[in-house]
Amino acid sequence: MKFTTWIALFSQTGSELAALSKALNRSPDFVITNADLDHIDSRVGVDFRVNKEEAKTLDILENLDFNVDETLITLNGWLKIVPPDKCNKYNIYNGHPGLITKYPELKGKDPQQRAWDNLHKYNLIGSVVHKVVEEVDAGEIVAREFISSDSILTLDDTYRALRDCSFRAWYRFLKERLYNKV
């Protein structure tokens, strides 16, 4: 399915969103963040900053003018749980820095650290993009990227590899869903 509107949410720096926008030659139509404005990557065009209450409930989505069926909402480093009513109403996809297709124990918070702490268990590390449903990290996987863990020597290597895998998974997914191209 091709989407005509793209809304992106992030809680950290937005650097992944900035890099994706540049690579796709397309920015989100609307960006929602609950990040501290002083820490946001300067390449991100932030159109709106939500306060803590709106960030918890995502009720801000109710006030935007967009066709729900034609709108893709992405969570690019969004650190809040999406309320069940929003999961059911909107087309929301999340990037998760853990190869949960192979290692379901990496679902949930801080998978990068857990992957590093138990690297001896994982011959592959990677990231996925999945549909957001009520259960955390349980929605349909729509993109995944992974690499061998053989080249991972430090925690920084782990974060870098997972960031790169995440970027590639998001890029393929967004290219297909926003442009119908692979």
N, C-alpha and C. Protein backbone atom coordinates (compact mmCIF):
# COMPACT_ATOMS: atom_id res chain seq x y z
N MET A 1 0.84 -1.19 0.00
CA MET A 1 0.00 0.00 0.00
C MET A 1 0.88 1.24 0.00
N LYS A 2 0.52 2.20 -0.82
CA LYS A 2 1.25 3.46 -0.88
C LYS A 2 0.54 4.48 0.03
N PHE A 3 1.34 5.18 0.81
CA PHE A 3 0.82 6.23 1.69
C PHE A 3 1.15 7.58 1.08
N THR A 4 0.26 8.55 1.25
CA THR A 4 0.50 9.89 0.71
C THR A 4 1.02 10.86 1.76
N THR A 5 0.74 10.57 3.03
CA THR A 5 1.17 11.45 4.12
C THR A 5 2.07 10.65 5.05
N TRP A 6 3.12 11.31 5.54
CA TRP A 6 4.07 10.67 6.46
C TRP A 6 4.20 11.54 7.69
N ILE A 7 3.89 10.95 8.85
CA ILE A 7 4.07 11.60 10.15
C ILE A 7 5.14 10.80 10.90
N ALA A 8 6.15 11.48 11.40
CA ALA A 8 7.24 10.80 12.11
C ALA A 8 7.31 11.31 13.54
N LEU A 9 7.60 10.38 14.46
CA LEU A 9 7.74 10.70 15.87
C LEU A 9 9.11 10.26 16.35
N PHE A 10 9.74 11.10 17.17
CA PHE A 10 11.00 10.70 17.80
C PHE A 10 11.13 11.33 19.17
N SER A 11 11.94 10.68 20.02
CA SER A 11 12.16 11.16 21.39
C SER A 11 13.61 11.53 21.65
N GLN A 12 14.49 11.19 20.72
CA GLN A 12 15.91 11.41 20.97
C GLN A 12 16.40 12.58 20.12
N THR A 13 17.41 12.37 19.29
CA THR A 13 17.98 13.47 18.52
C THR A 13 17.33 13.68 17.17
N GLY A 14 16.70 12.65 16.64
CA GLY A 14 16.11 12.75 15.31
C GLY A 14 17.11 12.54 14.19
N SER A 15 18.34 12.13 14.51
CA SER A 15 19.37 11.99 13.48
C SER A 15 19.01 10.91 12.46
N GLU A 16 18.39 9.81 12.90
CA GLU A 16 17.97 8.78 11.96
C GLU A 16 16.94 9.35 10.99
N LEU A 17 16.00 10.10 11.50
CA LEU A 17 14.97 10.71 10.66
C LEU A 17 15.58 11.68 9.66
N ALA A 18 16.55 12.47 10.10
CA ALA A 18 17.23 13.41 9.21
C ALA A 18 17.96 12.67 8.10
N ALA A 19 18.66 11.59 8.43
CA ALA A 19 19.39 10.81 7.43
C ALA A 19 18.43 10.14 6.44
N LEU A 20 17.34 9.60 6.94
CA LEU A 20 16.35 8.97 6.06
C LEU A 20 15.72 10.00 5.12
N SER A 21 15.38 11.16 5.65
CA SER A 21 14.79 12.21 4.82
C SER A 21 15.73 12.60 3.68
N LYS A 22 17.01 12.73 4.01
CA LYS A 22 17.99 13.10 2.98
C LYS A 22 18.11 11.99 1.93
N ALA A 23 18.22 10.74 2.37
CA ALA A 23 18.38 9.62 1.44
C ALA A 23 17.15 9.43 0.55
N LEU A 24 15.96 9.67 1.11
CA LEU A 24 14.72 9.50 0.36
C LEU A 24 14.37 10.73 -0.46
N ASN A 25 15.06 11.83 -0.19
CA ASN A 25 14.73 13.12 -0.81
C ASN A 25 13.27 13.48 -0.52
N ARG A 26 12.87 13.20 0.72
CA ARG A 26 11.50 13.49 1.15
C ARG A 26 11.48 13.57 2.67
N SER A 27 10.93 14.63 3.17
CA SER A 27 10.79 14.80 4.61
C SER A 27 9.39 14.42 5.04
N PRO A 28 9.22 14.07 6.31
CA PRO A 28 7.85 13.81 6.79
C PRO A 28 7.00 15.07 6.61
N ASP A 29 5.71 14.86 6.48
CA ASP A 29 4.79 15.99 6.38
C ASP A 29 4.59 16.66 7.73
N PHE A 30 4.80 15.90 8.77
CA PHE A 30 4.64 16.43 10.12
C PHE A 30 5.55 15.63 11.04
N VAL A 31 6.23 16.31 11.95
CA VAL A 31 7.13 15.65 12.89
C VAL A 31 6.65 15.98 14.30
N ILE A 32 6.58 14.95 15.13
CA ILE A 32 6.20 15.13 16.53
C ILE A 32 7.37 14.64 17.37
N THR A 33 7.78 15.46 18.32
CA THR A 33 8.86 15.06 19.22
C THR A 33 8.54 15.51 20.64
N ASN A 34 9.04 14.73 21.57
CA ASN A 34 8.99 15.15 22.97
C ASN A 34 10.43 15.33 23.48
N ALA A 35 11.36 15.46 22.53
CA ALA A 35 12.77 15.63 22.88
C ALA A 35 13.05 17.05 23.35
N ASP A 36 14.13 17.17 24.08
CA ASP A 36 14.62 18.49 24.49
C ASP A 36 15.13 19.18 23.23
N LEU A 37 14.61 20.32 22.91
CA LEU A 37 14.95 21.01 21.66
C LEU A 37 16.44 21.28 21.52
N ASP A 38 17.16 21.39 22.64
CA ASP A 38 18.59 21.66 22.58
C ASP A 38 19.40 20.47 22.07
N HIS A 39 18.81 19.27 22.08
CA HIS A 39 19.53 18.07 21.69
C HIS A 39 19.11 17.52 20.33
N ILE A 40 18.23 18.22 19.63
CA ILE A 40 17.73 17.73 18.35
C ILE A 40 18.73 18.03 17.24
N ASP A 41 18.95 17.04 16.39
CA ASP A 41 19.81 17.19 15.22
C ASP A 41 19.30 18.38 14.40
N SER A 42 20.17 19.31 14.08
CA SER A 42 19.75 20.54 13.40
C SER A 42 19.19 20.30 12.00
N ARG A 43 19.42 19.12 11.44
CA ARG A 43 18.88 18.82 10.11
C ARG A 43 17.41 18.43 10.13
N VAL A 44 16.85 18.20 11.31
CA VAL A 44 15.45 17.80 11.42
C VAL A 44 14.59 19.04 11.46
N GLY A 45 13.62 19.12 10.57
CA GLY A 45 12.66 20.22 10.59
C GLY A 45 11.52 19.85 11.52
N VAL A 46 11.57 20.30 12.75
CA VAL A 46 10.53 19.95 13.71
C VAL A 46 9.38 20.93 13.56
N ASP A 47 8.22 20.39 13.20
CA ASP A 47 7.05 21.22 12.98
C ASP A 47 6.22 21.42 14.24
N PHE A 48 6.38 20.52 15.21
CA PHE A 48 5.57 20.61 16.40
C PHE A 48 6.29 19.92 17.54
N ARG A 49 6.17 20.46 18.70
CA ARG A 49 6.76 19.83 19.90
C ARG A 49 5.62 19.52 20.85
N VAL A 50 5.47 18.27 21.21
CA VAL A 50 4.39 17.89 22.11
C VAL A 50 4.85 17.98 23.56
N ASN A 51 3.89 18.24 24.42
CA ASN A 51 4.24 18.25 25.84
C ASN A 51 4.12 16.84 26.39
N LYS A 52 4.46 16.66 27.64
CA LYS A 52 4.51 15.31 28.20
C LYS A 52 3.16 14.59 28.17
N GLU A 53 2.08 15.28 28.42
CA GLU A 53 0.75 14.63 28.39
C GLU A 53 0.40 14.18 26.98
N GLU A 54 0.60 15.04 26.00
CA GLU A 54 0.30 14.67 24.62
C GLU A 54 1.21 13.54 24.16
N ALA A 55 2.44 13.52 24.65
CA ALA A 55 3.37 12.45 24.28
C ALA A 55 2.89 11.11 24.81
N LYS A 56 2.32 11.11 26.00
CA LYS A 56 1.82 9.86 26.58
C LYS A 56 0.63 9.30 25.80
N THR A 57 -0.27 10.18 25.41
CA THR A 57 -1.53 9.73 24.82
C THR A 57 -1.55 9.79 23.30
N LEU A 58 -0.68 10.59 22.71
CA LEU A 58 -0.66 10.88 21.27
C LEU A 58 -1.98 11.50 20.79
N ASP A 59 -2.67 12.15 21.70
CA ASP A 59 -3.92 12.80 21.31
C ASP A 59 -3.71 13.91 20.29
N ILE A 60 -2.50 14.40 20.16
CA ILE A 60 -2.20 15.41 19.15
C ILE A 60 -2.60 14.94 17.76
N LEU A 61 -2.55 13.63 17.53
CA LEU A 61 -2.93 13.09 16.22
C LEU A 61 -4.38 13.41 15.88
N GLU A 62 -5.23 13.50 16.90
CA GLU A 62 -6.64 13.80 16.69
C GLU A 62 -6.85 15.21 16.14
N ASN A 63 -5.89 16.10 16.39
CA ASN A 63 -6.02 17.50 15.97
C ASN A 63 -5.39 17.80 14.62
N LEU A 64 -4.75 16.80 14.01
CA LEU A 64 -4.12 17.01 12.71
C LEU A 64 -5.11 16.69 11.61
N ASP A 65 -4.96 17.38 10.49
CA ASP A 65 -5.85 17.17 9.36
C ASP A 65 -5.18 16.23 8.36
N PHE A 66 -5.53 14.94 8.39
CA PHE A 66 -4.97 13.98 7.45
C PHE A 66 -5.94 12.81 7.30
N ASN A 67 -5.84 12.13 6.17
CA ASN A 67 -6.65 10.95 5.91
C ASN A 67 -5.97 9.76 6.58
N VAL A 68 -6.62 9.17 7.56
CA VAL A 68 -6.04 8.09 8.36
C VAL A 68 -5.58 6.93 7.48
N ASP A 69 -6.38 6.55 6.49
CA ASP A 69 -6.04 5.40 5.64
C ASP A 69 -4.85 5.65 4.73
N GLU A 70 -4.56 6.91 4.45
CA GLU A 70 -3.46 7.24 3.54
C GLU A 70 -2.22 7.76 4.26
N THR A 71 -2.22 7.65 5.59
CA THR A 71 -1.13 8.22 6.37
C THR A 71 -0.30 7.13 7.05
N LEU A 72 1.00 7.24 6.88
CA LEU A 72 1.98 6.37 7.51
C LEU A 72 2.57 7.11 8.69
N ILE A 73 2.56 6.49 9.86
CA ILE A 73 3.17 7.08 11.05
C ILE A 73 4.34 6.19 11.44
N THR A 74 5.52 6.80 11.56
CA THR A 74 6.71 6.03 11.91
C THR A 74 7.25 6.48 13.26
N LEU A 75 7.76 5.51 14.00
CA LEU A 75 8.38 5.77 15.30
C LEU A 75 9.88 5.59 15.11
N ASN A 76 10.59 6.68 14.96
CA ASN A 76 12.03 6.66 14.71
C ASN A 76 12.76 7.07 15.98
N GLY A 77 12.79 6.15 16.96
CA GLY A 77 13.39 6.48 18.24
C GLY A 77 12.38 7.09 19.19
N TRP A 78 11.11 6.72 19.05
CA TRP A 78 10.05 7.17 19.96
C TRP A 78 10.09 6.29 21.19
N LEU A 79 10.29 6.85 22.36
CA LEU A 79 10.52 6.08 23.57
C LEU A 79 9.29 5.94 24.45
N LYS A 80 8.13 6.04 23.86
CA LYS A 80 6.88 5.90 24.62
C LYS A 80 6.08 4.73 24.06
N ILE A 81 5.32 4.09 24.92
CA ILE A 81 4.41 3.04 24.49
C ILE A 81 3.20 3.71 23.82
N VAL A 82 2.81 3.20 22.67
CA VAL A 82 1.67 3.75 21.96
C VAL A 82 0.39 3.17 22.59
N PRO A 83 -0.54 4.03 22.99
CA PRO A 83 -1.78 3.55 23.60
C PRO A 83 -2.56 2.63 22.64
N PRO A 84 -3.24 1.61 23.17
CA PRO A 84 -3.95 0.65 22.34
C PRO A 84 -4.93 1.27 21.34
N ASP A 85 -5.64 2.33 21.75
CA ASP A 85 -6.60 2.93 20.82
C ASP A 85 -5.90 3.52 19.59
N LYS A 86 -4.67 4.01 19.76
CA LYS A 86 -3.92 4.56 18.63
C LYS A 86 -3.36 3.44 17.75
N CYS A 87 -2.95 2.34 18.37
CA CYS A 87 -2.45 1.18 17.61
C CYS A 87 -3.52 0.69 16.65
N ASN A 88 -4.75 0.66 17.11
CA ASN A 88 -5.85 0.13 16.31
C ASN A 88 -6.36 1.11 15.26
N LYS A 89 -6.18 2.39 15.49
CA LYS A 89 -6.75 3.40 14.60
C LYS A 89 -5.82 3.80 13.46
N TYR A 90 -4.50 3.82 13.71
CA TYR A 90 -3.55 4.38 12.74
C TYR A 90 -2.60 3.32 12.17
N ASN A 91 -1.99 3.65 11.04
CA ASN A 91 -0.96 2.81 10.40
C ASN A 91 0.39 3.21 10.99
N ILE A 92 0.75 2.61 12.11
CA ILE A 92 1.97 2.99 12.83
C ILE A 92 2.98 1.86 12.73
N TYR A 93 4.24 2.25 12.42
CA TYR A 93 5.34 1.29 12.31
C TYR A 93 6.49 1.76 13.17
N ASN A 94 7.17 0.81 13.79
CA ASN A 94 8.26 1.10 14.71
C ASN A 94 9.55 0.43 14.24
N GLY A 95 10.66 1.11 14.44
CA GLY A 95 11.96 0.51 14.22
C GLY A 95 12.45 -0.05 15.55
N HIS A 96 12.93 -1.30 15.53
CA HIS A 96 13.40 -1.92 16.77
C HIS A 96 14.82 -2.45 16.56
N PRO A 97 15.78 -1.98 17.35
CA PRO A 97 17.19 -2.38 17.18
C PRO A 97 17.52 -3.73 17.82
N GLY A 98 16.78 -4.73 17.43
CA GLY A 98 17.02 -6.09 17.88
C GLY A 98 16.44 -7.04 16.84
N LEU A 99 17.15 -8.08 16.52
CA LEU A 99 16.70 -9.03 15.50
C LEU A 99 15.70 -10.00 16.13
N ILE A 100 14.51 -9.49 16.40
CA ILE A 100 13.50 -10.26 17.12
C ILE A 100 12.88 -11.37 16.29
N THR A 101 13.12 -11.39 14.99
CA THR A 101 12.65 -12.50 14.17
C THR A 101 13.42 -13.77 14.52
N LYS A 102 14.67 -13.63 14.90
CA LYS A 102 15.51 -14.77 15.25
C LYS A 102 15.67 -14.91 16.77
N TYR A 103 15.67 -13.77 17.47
CA TYR A 103 15.90 -13.75 18.91
C TYR A 103 14.78 -12.97 19.61
N PRO A 104 13.62 -13.60 19.83
CA PRO A 104 12.49 -12.88 20.43
C PRO A 104 12.78 -12.31 21.83
N GLU A 105 13.80 -12.84 22.49
CA GLU A 105 14.15 -12.33 23.81
C GLU A 105 14.68 -10.89 23.76
N LEU A 106 14.96 -10.38 22.55
CA LEU A 106 15.43 -9.00 22.40
C LEU A 106 14.28 -8.00 22.24
N LYS A 107 13.04 -8.46 22.41
CA LYS A 107 11.91 -7.53 22.41
C LYS A 107 12.02 -6.66 23.66
N GLY A 108 11.44 -5.46 23.57
CA GLY A 108 11.38 -4.59 24.74
C GLY A 108 12.51 -3.58 24.79
N LYS A 109 12.72 -3.06 25.97
CA LYS A 109 13.64 -1.95 26.21
C LYS A 109 15.11 -2.38 26.16
N ASP A 110 15.94 -1.51 25.63
CA ASP A 110 17.40 -1.64 25.61
C ASP A 110 17.94 -2.93 24.95
N PRO A 111 17.45 -3.28 23.77
CA PRO A 111 17.95 -4.50 23.12
C PRO A 111 19.42 -4.39 22.71
N GLN A 112 19.91 -3.18 22.44
CA GLN A 112 21.31 -3.03 22.05
C GLN A 112 22.23 -3.49 23.18
N GLN A 113 21.95 -3.02 24.38
CA GLN A 113 22.77 -3.40 25.53
C GLN A 113 22.65 -4.89 25.80
N ARG A 114 21.44 -5.43 25.70
CA ARG A 114 21.25 -6.86 25.96
C ARG A 114 21.95 -7.70 24.89
N ALA A 115 21.94 -7.23 23.64
CA ALA A 115 22.66 -7.96 22.57
C ALA A 115 24.15 -7.97 22.88
N TRP A 116 24.69 -6.83 23.29
CA TRP A 116 26.12 -6.75 23.61
C TRP A 116 26.46 -7.63 24.82
N ASP A 117 25.63 -7.55 25.86
CA ASP A 117 25.89 -8.32 27.08
C ASP A 117 25.91 -9.82 26.82
N ASN A 118 25.16 -10.26 25.81
CA ASN A 118 25.04 -11.69 25.51
C ASN A 118 25.49 -12.01 24.09
N LEU A 119 26.45 -11.25 23.59
CA LEU A 119 26.87 -11.40 22.19
C LEU A 119 27.28 -12.83 21.84
N HIS A 120 27.81 -13.53 22.81
CA HIS A 120 28.23 -14.92 22.58
C HIS A 120 27.05 -15.81 22.15
N LYS A 121 25.81 -15.41 22.44
CA LYS A 121 24.62 -16.17 22.07
C LYS A 121 24.14 -15.87 20.64
N TYR A 122 24.59 -14.75 20.07
CA TYR A 122 24.02 -14.26 18.82
C TYR A 122 25.05 -14.29 17.69
N ASN A 123 24.81 -15.10 16.67
CA ASN A 123 25.71 -15.10 15.52
C ASN A 123 25.34 -13.99 14.54
N LEU A 124 24.14 -13.41 14.71
CA LEU A 124 23.69 -12.29 13.89
C LEU A 124 23.15 -11.21 14.82
N ILE A 125 23.31 -9.96 14.39
CA ILE A 125 22.61 -8.87 15.07
C ILE A 125 21.94 -8.04 14.00
N GLY A 126 20.85 -7.39 14.35
CA GLY A 126 20.14 -6.61 13.35
C GLY A 126 18.98 -5.85 13.93
N SER A 127 18.23 -5.23 13.01
CA SER A 127 17.10 -4.39 13.37
C SER A 127 15.91 -4.77 12.49
N VAL A 128 14.72 -4.45 13.01
CA VAL A 128 13.50 -4.72 12.26
C VAL A 128 12.62 -3.47 12.24
N VAL A 129 11.71 -3.43 11.29
CA VAL A 129 10.60 -2.48 11.29
C VAL A 129 9.35 -3.34 11.39
N HIS A 130 8.47 -2.98 12.33
CA HIS A 130 7.26 -3.78 12.53
C HIS A 130 6.04 -2.90 12.72
N LYS A 131 4.89 -3.48 12.41
CA LYS A 131 3.61 -2.81 12.65
C LYS A 131 3.44 -2.69 14.17
N VAL A 132 2.93 -1.57 14.61
CA VAL A 132 2.70 -1.37 16.04
C VAL A 132 1.32 -1.92 16.40
N VAL A 133 1.33 -2.81 17.37
CA VAL A 133 0.10 -3.39 17.91
C VAL A 133 0.14 -3.22 19.43
N GLU A 134 -0.93 -3.62 20.09
CA GLU A 134 -1.01 -3.42 21.54
C GLU A 134 0.14 -4.06 22.30
N GLU A 135 0.54 -5.27 21.92
CA GLU A 135 1.64 -5.94 22.60
C GLU A 135 2.97 -5.37 22.08
N VAL A 136 3.86 -5.02 22.96
CA VAL A 136 5.13 -4.39 22.59
C VAL A 136 5.95 -5.30 21.69
N ASP A 137 6.40 -4.75 20.56
CA ASP A 137 7.27 -5.43 19.59
C ASP A 137 6.70 -6.75 19.08
N ALA A 138 5.38 -6.85 18.96
CA ALA A 138 4.75 -8.09 18.54
C ALA A 138 4.08 -8.01 17.17
N GLY A 139 4.08 -6.83 16.55
CA GLY A 139 3.39 -6.68 15.27
C GLY A 139 4.15 -7.32 14.11
N GLU A 140 3.48 -7.41 12.99
CA GLU A 140 4.05 -8.00 11.78
C GLU A 140 5.36 -7.31 11.40
N ILE A 141 6.39 -8.11 11.15
CA ILE A 141 7.69 -7.58 10.72
C ILE A 141 7.57 -7.28 9.22
N VAL A 142 7.87 -6.05 8.84
CA VAL A 142 7.76 -5.65 7.43
C VAL A 142 9.12 -5.41 6.78
N ALA A 143 10.17 -5.31 7.57
CA ALA A 143 11.53 -5.15 7.03
C ALA A 143 12.51 -5.59 8.12
N ARG A 144 13.63 -6.14 7.68
CA ARG A 144 14.68 -6.50 8.63
C ARG A 144 16.02 -6.45 7.91
N GLU A 145 17.02 -6.15 8.67
CA GLU A 145 18.41 -6.12 8.18
C GLU A 145 19.28 -6.67 9.28
N PHE A 146 20.32 -7.41 8.90
CA PHE A 146 21.19 -7.99 9.91
C PHE A 146 22.58 -8.20 9.34
N ILE A 147 23.53 -8.39 10.25
CA ILE A 147 24.92 -8.68 9.88
C ILE A 147 25.44 -9.75 10.84
N SER A 148 26.56 -10.31 10.48
CA SER A 148 27.23 -11.27 11.36
C SER A 148 27.76 -10.52 12.58
N SER A 149 27.70 -11.16 13.71
CA SER A 149 28.22 -10.52 14.93
C SER A 149 29.74 -10.68 15.05
N ASP A 150 30.37 -11.39 14.11
CA ASP A 150 31.82 -11.61 14.16
C ASP A 150 32.64 -10.32 14.22
N SER A 151 32.14 -9.26 13.56
CA SER A 151 32.90 -8.01 13.50
C SER A 151 32.65 -7.10 14.69
N ILE A 152 31.79 -7.50 15.61
CA ILE A 152 31.44 -6.68 16.76
C ILE A 152 32.46 -6.91 17.88
N LEU A 153 33.22 -5.86 18.18
CA LEU A 153 34.26 -5.96 19.20
C LEU A 153 33.99 -5.12 20.44
N THR A 154 33.14 -4.09 20.29
CA THR A 154 32.87 -3.17 21.40
C THR A 154 31.38 -2.85 21.46
N LEU A 155 30.96 -2.23 22.55
CA LEU A 155 29.58 -1.77 22.66
C LEU A 155 29.28 -0.74 21.58
N ASP A 156 30.26 0.16 21.30
CA ASP A 156 30.07 1.14 20.23
C ASP A 156 29.84 0.47 18.88
N ASP A 157 30.59 -0.62 18.61
CA ASP A 157 30.37 -1.38 17.38
C ASP A 157 28.94 -1.90 17.32
N THR A 158 28.43 -2.35 18.45
CA THR A 158 27.06 -2.88 18.51
C THR A 158 26.07 -1.79 18.14
N TYR A 159 26.19 -0.64 18.76
CA TYR A 159 25.27 0.47 18.47
C TYR A 159 25.39 0.91 17.01
N ARG A 160 26.60 1.01 16.51
CA ARG A 160 26.83 1.44 15.12
C ARG A 160 26.20 0.44 14.14
N ALA A 161 26.44 -0.83 14.36
CA ALA A 161 25.90 -1.87 13.47
C ALA A 161 24.37 -1.87 13.49
N LEU A 162 23.80 -1.76 14.67
CA LEU A 162 22.34 -1.75 14.77
C LEU A 162 21.75 -0.49 14.16
N ARG A 163 22.43 0.63 14.31
CA ARG A 163 21.97 1.88 13.68
C ARG A 163 21.98 1.73 12.16
N ASP A 164 23.05 1.16 11.61
CA ASP A 164 23.15 0.97 10.17
C ASP A 164 22.10 -0.01 9.66
N CYS A 165 21.87 -1.08 10.39
CA CYS A 165 20.83 -2.05 10.01
C CYS A 165 19.46 -1.38 10.05
N SER A 166 19.22 -0.59 11.08
CA SER A 166 17.95 0.11 11.20
C SER A 166 17.73 1.05 10.02
N PHE A 167 18.76 1.81 9.68
CA PHE A 167 18.64 2.73 8.55
C PHE A 167 18.27 1.98 7.27
N ARG A 168 18.96 0.88 6.99
CA ARG A 168 18.69 0.12 5.76
C ARG A 168 17.28 -0.47 5.75
N ALA A 169 16.82 -0.96 6.90
CA ALA A 169 15.46 -1.51 6.98
C ALA A 169 14.42 -0.42 6.76
N TRP A 170 14.60 0.72 7.44
CA TRP A 170 13.67 1.83 7.26
C TRP A 170 13.69 2.34 5.83
N TYR A 171 14.86 2.47 5.26
CA TYR A 171 14.96 3.01 3.90
C TYR A 171 14.16 2.14 2.92
N ARG A 172 14.37 0.83 2.96
CA ARG A 172 13.64 -0.08 2.06
C ARG A 172 12.13 0.03 2.28
N PHE A 173 11.73 0.00 3.55
CA PHE A 173 10.30 0.07 3.88
C PHE A 173 9.69 1.38 3.40
N LEU A 174 10.33 2.50 3.72
CA LEU A 174 9.78 3.81 3.35
C LEU A 174 9.77 4.00 1.83
N LYS A 175 10.80 3.54 1.16
CA LYS A 175 10.86 3.66 -0.31
C LYS A 175 9.66 2.94 -0.92
N GLU A 176 9.38 1.76 -0.41
CA GLU A 176 8.25 0.98 -0.91
C GLU A 176 6.91 1.61 -0.56
N ARG A 177 6.76 2.05 0.67
CA ARG A 177 5.45 2.53 1.12
C ARG A 177 5.14 3.98 0.71
N LEU A 178 6.18 4.78 0.51
CA LEU A 178 5.94 6.16 0.11
C LEU A 178 6.04 6.35 -1.41
N TYR A 179 6.75 5.45 -2.07
CA TYR A 179 6.96 5.61 -3.51
C TYR A 179 6.56 4.38 -4.33
N ASN A 180 6.19 3.26 -3.66
CA ASN A 180 5.92 1.99 -4.33
C ASN A 180 7.10 1.50 -5.14
N LYS A 181 8.30 1.71 -4.63
CA LYS A 181 9.52 1.23 -5.27
C LYS A 181 10.33 0.43 -4.25
N VAL A 182 11.09 -0.52 -4.74
CA VAL A 182 11.97 -1.26 -3.84
C VAL A 182 13.41 -1.02 -4.19
